[in-house]
Amino acid sequence: IGDKTTVEALRIGSHVSIGSNCTIGKRTVVGDCSMIEDGTVLPDDCIVAPFTRWTGTPARMVGELGEGFEVLMQQVTRDFYE
């Protein structure tokens, strides 16, 4: 989760990338292996499907992520804790 990001989500899945200056609305569900780009505003009650990429104000899905994204995020997490 990036700097200056506000999160009020109901659930955030595993291996999720959330950029800086984002707002994640109340009761929002962010699926596993998804990417929320810098400055994105996810409105209340939004559902982010797994393996998708979101951007904008208000947010919209702009792409799908391959299964390799999960492996990448696992490596980023390991590197962070080493």
C-alpha atoms as a PDB file:
ATOM      1  CA  ILE A   1       0.000   0.000   0.000  1.00  0.00           C
ATOM      2  CA  GLY A   2       1.517   3.275  -1.168  1.00  0.00           C
ATOM      3  CA  ASP A   3       2.027   6.525   0.715  1.00  0.00           C
ATOM      4  CA  LYS A   4      -0.984   8.759   1.420  1.00  0.00           C
ATOM      5  CA  THR A   5      -3.471   6.010   0.576  1.00  0.00           C
ATOM      6  CA  THR A   6      -6.737   5.767   2.518  1.00  0.00           C
ATOM      7  CA  VAL A   7      -8.215   2.281   2.896  1.00  0.00           C
ATOM      8  CA  GLU A   8     -11.690   1.551   4.251  1.00  0.00           C
ATOM      9  CA  ALA A   9     -12.131  -1.722   2.360  1.00  0.00           C
ATOM     10  CA  LEU A  10     -14.137  -4.670   3.621  1.00  0.00           C
ATOM     11  CA  ARG A  11     -11.484  -7.076   2.303  1.00  0.00           C
ATOM     12  CA  ILE A  12      -8.160  -6.898   0.502  1.00  0.00           C
ATOM     13  CA  GLY A  13      -6.944 -10.144  -1.035  1.00  0.00           C
ATOM     14  CA  SER A  14      -3.464 -11.624  -1.193  1.00  0.00           C
ATOM     15  CA  HIS A  15      -0.734 -10.337  -3.500  1.00  0.00           C
ATOM     16  CA  VAL A  16      -2.438  -6.990  -4.174  1.00  0.00           C
ATOM     17  CA  SER A  17      -0.554  -3.875  -5.269  1.00  0.00           C
ATOM     18  CA  ILE A  18      -2.112  -0.560  -4.194  1.00  0.00           C
ATOM     19  CA  GLY A  19      -0.362   2.609  -5.356  1.00  0.00           C
ATOM     20  CA  SER A  20       0.196   5.960  -3.650  1.00  0.00           C
ATOM     21  CA  ASN A  21      -2.517   8.597  -3.148  1.00  0.00           C
ATOM     22  CA  CYS A  22      -5.363   6.097  -3.588  1.00  0.00           C
ATOM     23  CA  THR A  23      -8.734   6.005  -1.876  1.00  0.00           C
ATOM     24  CA  ILE A  24     -10.312   2.609  -1.312  1.00  0.00           C
ATOM     25  CA  GLY A  25     -13.973   3.130  -0.368  1.00  0.00           C
ATOM     26  CA  LYS A  26     -16.064   1.582   2.369  1.00  0.00           C
ATOM     27  CA  ARG A  27     -17.167  -2.034   1.928  1.00  0.00           C
ATOM     28  CA  THR A  28     -14.988  -2.391  -1.175  1.00  0.00           C
ATOM     29  CA  VAL A  29     -13.671  -5.890  -1.916  1.00  0.00           C
ATOM     30  CA  VAL A  30     -10.286  -6.088  -3.651  1.00  0.00           C
ATOM     31  CA  GLY A  31      -9.654  -9.530  -5.157  1.00  0.00           C
ATOM     32  CA  ASP A  32      -6.406 -11.496  -5.037  1.00  0.00           C
ATOM     33  CA  CYS A  33      -3.565 -10.561  -7.376  1.00  0.00           C
ATOM     34  CA  SER A  34      -5.015  -7.223  -8.474  1.00  0.00           C
ATOM     35  CA  MET A  35      -3.338  -3.866  -9.080  1.00  0.00           C
ATOM     36  CA  ILE A  36      -4.680  -0.446  -8.092  1.00  0.00           C
ATOM     37  CA  GLU A  37      -2.600   2.266  -9.774  1.00  0.00           C
ATOM     38  CA  ASP A  38      -1.431   5.547  -8.201  1.00  0.00           C
ATOM     39  CA  GLY A  39      -4.176   8.119  -7.590  1.00  0.00           C
ATOM     40  CA  THR A  40      -7.059   5.694  -8.111  1.00  0.00           C
ATOM     41  CA  VAL A  41     -10.341   6.253  -6.276  1.00  0.00           C
ATOM     42  CA  LEU A  42     -12.380   3.075  -5.769  1.00  0.00           C
ATOM     43  CA  PRO A  43     -15.897   4.117  -4.694  1.00  0.00           C
ATOM     44  CA  ASP A  44     -17.820   2.545  -1.811  1.00  0.00           C
ATOM     45  CA  ASP A  45     -19.133  -0.984  -2.450  1.00  0.00           C
ATOM     46  CA  CYS A  46     -16.844  -1.578  -5.444  1.00  0.00           C
ATOM     47  CA  ILE A  47     -15.788  -5.138  -6.295  1.00  0.00           C
ATOM     48  CA  VAL A  48     -12.368  -5.600  -7.885  1.00  0.00           C
ATOM     49  CA  ALA A  49     -12.074  -8.968  -9.613  1.00  0.00           C
ATOM     50  CA  PRO A  50      -8.911 -11.053  -9.152  1.00  0.00           C
ATOM     51  CA  PHE A  51      -6.123 -10.509 -11.714  1.00  0.00           C
ATOM     52  CA  THR A  52      -7.378  -7.083 -12.858  1.00  0.00           C
ATOM     53  CA  ARG A  53      -5.775  -3.631 -13.075  1.00  0.00           C
ATOM     54  CA  TRP A  54      -7.696  -0.480 -12.078  1.00  0.00           C
ATOM     55  CA  THR A  55      -7.042   3.242 -12.479  1.00  0.00           C
ATOM     56  CA  GLY A  56      -8.877   6.568 -12.556  1.00  0.00           C
ATOM     57  CA  THR A  57     -11.210   8.798 -10.580  1.00  0.00           C
ATOM     58  CA  PRO A  58     -13.635   7.119 -10.308  1.00  0.00           C
ATOM     59  CA  ALA A  59     -11.831   3.844 -10.880  1.00  0.00           C
ATOM     60  CA  ARG A  60     -12.407   1.639 -13.867  1.00  0.00           C
ATOM     61  CA  MET A  61     -10.868  -1.640 -14.913  1.00  0.00           C
ATOM     62  CA  VAL A  62      -8.254  -1.065 -17.606  1.00  0.00           C
ATOM     63  CA  GLY A  63      -6.811  -4.525 -18.029  1.00  0.00           C
ATOM     64  CA  GLU A  64      -6.283  -8.050 -16.892  1.00  0.00           C
ATOM     65  CA  LEU A  65      -3.127  -9.420 -15.296  1.00  0.00           C
ATOM     66  CA  GLY A  66      -1.608 -12.744 -16.203  1.00  0.00           C
ATOM     67  CA  GLU A  67      -0.995 -15.471 -13.671  1.00  0.00           C
ATOM     68  CA  GLY A  68       2.669 -14.438 -13.635  1.00  0.00           C
ATOM     69  CA  PHE A  69       1.613 -11.384 -11.608  1.00  0.00           C
ATOM     70  CA  GLU A  70       1.050 -13.600  -8.557  1.00  0.00           C
ATOM     71  CA  VAL A  71       4.603 -14.953  -8.802  1.00  0.00           C
ATOM     72  CA  LEU A  72       5.962 -11.411  -9.179  1.00  0.00           C
ATOM     73  CA  MET A  73       4.074 -10.181  -6.104  1.00  0.00           C
ATOM     74  CA  GLN A  74       5.280 -13.172  -4.067  1.00  0.00           C
ATOM     75  CA  GLN A  75       8.870 -12.276  -4.974  1.00  0.00           C
ATOM     76  CA  VAL A  76       8.317  -8.596  -4.081  1.00  0.00           C
ATOM     77  CA  THR A  77       6.971  -9.676  -0.693  1.00  0.00           C
ATOM     78  CA  ARG A  78       9.924 -11.997  -0.043  1.00  0.00           C
ATOM     79  CA  ASP A  79      12.396  -9.268  -1.029  1.00  0.00           C
ATOM     80  CA  PHE A  80      10.685  -6.778   1.279  1.00  0.00           C
ATOM     81  CA  TYR A  81      11.108  -9.013   4.315  1.00  0.00           C
ATOM     82  CA  GLU A  82      14.711 -10.072   3.597  1.00  0.00           C
END
